[in-house]
N, C-alpha and C. Protein backbone atom coordinates (compact mmCIF):
# COMPACT_ATOMS: atom_id res chain seq x y z
N MET A 1 50.38 116.02 -62.34
CA MET A 1 50.44 117.37 -61.83
C MET A 1 49.97 117.35 -60.37
N HIS A 2 50.79 117.85 -59.50
CA HIS A 2 50.48 117.89 -58.08
C HIS A 2 49.96 119.26 -57.68
N PHE A 3 49.20 119.27 -56.64
CA PHE A 3 48.61 120.49 -56.14
C PHE A 3 49.69 121.48 -55.70
N SER A 4 50.79 120.98 -55.14
CA SER A 4 51.85 121.86 -54.65
C SER A 4 52.66 122.49 -55.78
N ASN A 5 52.56 121.96 -56.99
CA ASN A 5 53.30 122.53 -58.12
C ASN A 5 52.58 123.72 -58.74
N LEU A 6 51.34 123.94 -58.38
CA LEU A 6 50.57 125.05 -58.93
C LEU A 6 50.94 126.35 -58.22
N SER A 7 50.66 127.46 -58.87
CA SER A 7 50.93 128.75 -58.24
C SER A 7 49.97 128.97 -57.07
N PHE A 8 50.36 129.89 -56.20
CA PHE A 8 49.55 130.16 -55.01
C PHE A 8 48.16 130.64 -55.42
N LYS A 9 48.08 131.49 -56.41
CA LYS A 9 46.80 132.03 -56.87
C LYS A 9 45.90 130.90 -57.38
N THR A 10 46.46 129.98 -58.14
CA THR A 10 45.70 128.85 -58.67
C THR A 10 45.27 127.92 -57.54
N GLN A 11 46.12 127.73 -56.56
CA GLN A 11 45.76 126.89 -55.41
C GLN A 11 44.58 127.49 -54.64
N VAL A 12 44.59 128.81 -54.46
CA VAL A 12 43.50 129.48 -53.75
C VAL A 12 42.21 129.36 -54.54
N TYR A 13 42.26 129.64 -55.86
CA TYR A 13 41.07 129.52 -56.70
C TYR A 13 40.53 128.09 -56.69
N LEU A 14 41.42 127.13 -56.79
CA LEU A 14 41.00 125.73 -56.80
C LEU A 14 40.39 125.33 -55.46
N SER A 15 41.00 125.77 -54.37
CA SER A 15 40.48 125.46 -53.04
C SER A 15 39.09 126.08 -52.84
N ILE A 16 38.93 127.33 -53.24
CA ILE A 16 37.64 128.00 -53.09
C ILE A 16 36.60 127.32 -53.97
N SER A 17 36.97 126.96 -55.18
CA SER A 17 36.04 126.29 -56.09
C SER A 17 35.58 124.95 -55.52
N ILE A 18 36.50 124.17 -55.00
CA ILE A 18 36.16 122.87 -54.40
C ILE A 18 35.24 123.07 -53.20
N PHE A 19 35.55 124.08 -52.37
CA PHE A 19 34.73 124.36 -51.20
C PHE A 19 33.31 124.75 -51.61
N VAL A 20 33.18 125.61 -52.62
CA VAL A 20 31.86 126.04 -53.09
C VAL A 20 31.08 124.86 -53.64
N VAL A 21 31.72 124.01 -54.41
CA VAL A 21 31.04 122.83 -54.96
C VAL A 21 30.57 121.92 -53.84
N LEU A 22 31.38 121.71 -52.83
CA LEU A 22 30.98 120.87 -51.69
C LEU A 22 29.80 121.48 -50.95
N ILE A 23 29.79 122.79 -50.79
CA ILE A 23 28.67 123.46 -50.12
C ILE A 23 27.39 123.27 -50.94
N PHE A 24 27.48 123.46 -52.27
CA PHE A 24 26.30 123.27 -53.12
C PHE A 24 25.80 121.83 -53.06
N VAL A 25 26.70 120.88 -53.13
CA VAL A 25 26.30 119.47 -53.11
C VAL A 25 25.64 119.13 -51.78
N SER A 26 26.23 119.59 -50.68
CA SER A 26 25.63 119.29 -49.38
C SER A 26 24.28 120.00 -49.21
N GLY A 27 24.17 121.21 -49.71
CA GLY A 27 22.89 121.93 -49.63
C GLY A 27 21.80 121.25 -50.43
N PHE A 28 22.11 120.86 -51.66
CA PHE A 28 21.11 120.17 -52.48
C PHE A 28 20.76 118.81 -51.89
N SER A 29 21.75 118.12 -51.34
CA SER A 29 21.47 116.82 -50.72
C SER A 29 20.53 116.97 -49.54
N TYR A 30 20.78 117.96 -48.70
CA TYR A 30 19.90 118.20 -47.55
C TYR A 30 18.49 118.54 -48.02
N ASN A 31 18.38 119.38 -49.05
CA ASN A 31 17.08 119.76 -49.58
C ASN A 31 16.33 118.56 -50.11
N ILE A 32 16.99 117.69 -50.83
CA ILE A 32 16.34 116.50 -51.39
C ILE A 32 15.89 115.57 -50.27
N ILE A 33 16.74 115.35 -49.28
CA ILE A 33 16.40 114.44 -48.18
C ILE A 33 15.23 114.98 -47.37
N SER A 34 15.24 116.27 -47.05
CA SER A 34 14.14 116.84 -46.26
C SER A 34 12.84 116.88 -47.07
N SER A 35 12.94 117.12 -48.37
CA SER A 35 11.76 117.11 -49.23
C SER A 35 11.17 115.72 -49.30
N TYR A 36 12.03 114.71 -49.39
CA TYR A 36 11.55 113.32 -49.44
C TYR A 36 10.78 112.98 -48.17
N GLY A 37 11.34 113.34 -47.01
CA GLY A 37 10.67 113.05 -45.74
C GLY A 37 9.34 113.77 -45.63
N SER A 38 9.29 115.01 -46.07
CA SER A 38 8.05 115.78 -46.01
C SER A 38 6.98 115.18 -46.92
N LYS A 39 7.37 114.83 -48.14
CA LYS A 39 6.40 114.24 -49.08
C LYS A 39 5.94 112.87 -48.62
N LYS A 40 6.84 112.11 -47.97
CA LYS A 40 6.47 110.80 -47.45
C LYS A 40 5.41 110.95 -46.36
N ASN A 41 5.63 111.87 -45.44
CA ASN A 41 4.66 112.09 -44.36
C ASN A 41 3.33 112.60 -44.91
N SER A 42 3.39 113.48 -45.89
CA SER A 42 2.17 113.99 -46.51
C SER A 42 1.39 112.87 -47.19
N PHE A 43 2.09 112.00 -47.89
CA PHE A 43 1.43 110.87 -48.56
C PHE A 43 0.78 109.94 -47.56
N ILE A 44 1.44 109.67 -46.45
CA ILE A 44 0.89 108.79 -45.42
C ILE A 44 -0.38 109.41 -44.83
N ASN A 45 -0.34 110.71 -44.52
CA ASN A 45 -1.52 111.38 -43.95
C ASN A 45 -2.69 111.39 -44.92
N GLU A 46 -2.41 111.69 -46.20
CA GLU A 46 -3.48 111.70 -47.19
C GLU A 46 -4.06 110.30 -47.40
N SER A 47 -3.23 109.27 -47.33
CA SER A 47 -3.70 107.90 -47.47
C SER A 47 -4.60 107.50 -46.31
N LYS A 48 -4.24 107.94 -45.10
CA LYS A 48 -5.08 107.65 -43.94
C LYS A 48 -6.44 108.33 -44.05
N ILE A 49 -6.44 109.57 -44.51
CA ILE A 49 -7.70 110.30 -44.67
C ILE A 49 -8.58 109.62 -45.72
N GLU A 50 -7.97 109.24 -46.84
CA GLU A 50 -8.73 108.60 -47.91
C GLU A 50 -9.27 107.23 -47.46
N ALA A 51 -8.46 106.49 -46.72
CA ALA A 51 -8.92 105.19 -46.22
C ALA A 51 -10.09 105.37 -45.25
N GLY A 52 -10.04 106.40 -44.42
CA GLY A 52 -11.14 106.68 -43.50
C GLY A 52 -12.42 107.06 -44.23
N LEU A 53 -12.28 107.86 -45.29
CA LEU A 53 -13.46 108.23 -46.07
C LEU A 53 -14.08 107.01 -46.76
N ILE A 54 -13.25 106.16 -47.31
CA ILE A 54 -13.77 104.95 -47.96
C ILE A 54 -14.45 104.06 -46.93
N ALA A 55 -13.86 103.92 -45.76
CA ALA A 55 -14.45 103.09 -44.71
C ALA A 55 -15.80 103.66 -44.27
N ASN A 56 -15.87 104.97 -44.09
CA ASN A 56 -17.13 105.59 -43.67
C ASN A 56 -18.22 105.45 -44.73
N ASN A 57 -17.84 105.54 -46.00
CA ASN A 57 -18.83 105.41 -47.06
C ASN A 57 -19.23 103.96 -47.32
N SER A 58 -18.49 103.01 -46.78
CA SER A 58 -18.79 101.60 -47.00
C SER A 58 -19.61 100.97 -45.88
N ILE A 59 -19.83 101.69 -44.79
CA ILE A 59 -20.51 101.12 -43.63
C ILE A 59 -21.96 100.75 -43.95
N ALA A 60 -22.71 101.67 -44.55
CA ALA A 60 -24.13 101.39 -44.84
C ALA A 60 -24.31 100.23 -45.81
N PRO A 61 -23.60 100.16 -46.93
CA PRO A 61 -23.79 99.00 -47.82
C PRO A 61 -23.41 97.67 -47.16
N ILE A 62 -22.41 97.70 -46.28
CA ILE A 62 -22.04 96.45 -45.59
C ILE A 62 -23.14 96.04 -44.62
N LEU A 63 -23.68 96.99 -43.87
CA LEU A 63 -24.73 96.67 -42.89
C LEU A 63 -25.99 96.12 -43.55
N PHE A 64 -26.34 96.65 -44.73
CA PHE A 64 -27.56 96.22 -45.41
C PHE A 64 -27.30 95.20 -46.51
N LEU A 65 -26.08 94.66 -46.56
CA LEU A 65 -25.68 93.64 -47.54
C LEU A 65 -25.99 94.08 -48.97
N ASP A 66 -25.71 95.31 -49.26
CA ASP A 66 -25.95 95.87 -50.60
C ASP A 66 -24.64 95.78 -51.40
N LYS A 67 -24.49 94.71 -52.18
CA LYS A 67 -23.25 94.48 -52.93
C LYS A 67 -23.05 95.54 -54.00
N GLU A 68 -24.13 95.94 -54.67
CA GLU A 68 -24.01 96.93 -55.71
C GLU A 68 -23.59 98.29 -55.13
N GLY A 69 -24.17 98.66 -54.03
CA GLY A 69 -23.81 99.90 -53.37
C GLY A 69 -22.38 99.88 -52.84
N LEU A 70 -21.96 98.72 -52.39
CA LEU A 70 -20.58 98.58 -51.91
C LEU A 70 -19.58 98.73 -53.06
N GLU A 71 -19.89 98.15 -54.20
CA GLU A 71 -19.02 98.28 -55.37
C GLU A 71 -18.96 99.74 -55.83
N ASN A 72 -20.07 100.45 -55.74
CA ASN A 72 -20.08 101.85 -56.13
C ASN A 72 -19.22 102.71 -55.20
N SER A 73 -19.28 102.41 -53.92
CA SER A 73 -18.51 103.22 -52.96
C SER A 73 -17.02 102.90 -53.01
N LEU A 74 -16.68 101.68 -53.42
CA LEU A 74 -15.26 101.33 -53.53
C LEU A 74 -14.74 101.75 -54.88
């Protein structure tokens, strides 16, 4: 069955349906890609903050060679 063998009304409905599906797919794809980038940046920032907190809490046990205190802070 070829597209040109269909009635004009069916061709219009089919064209509009295909266009709407393409718009939805492109919209959802953009949303997923932008969400991924945002979550990636958020994860990187939170990891940096957590690493800084761990480093700050580990300074005193390292300076005083307190192995038990270092294990507790890590």
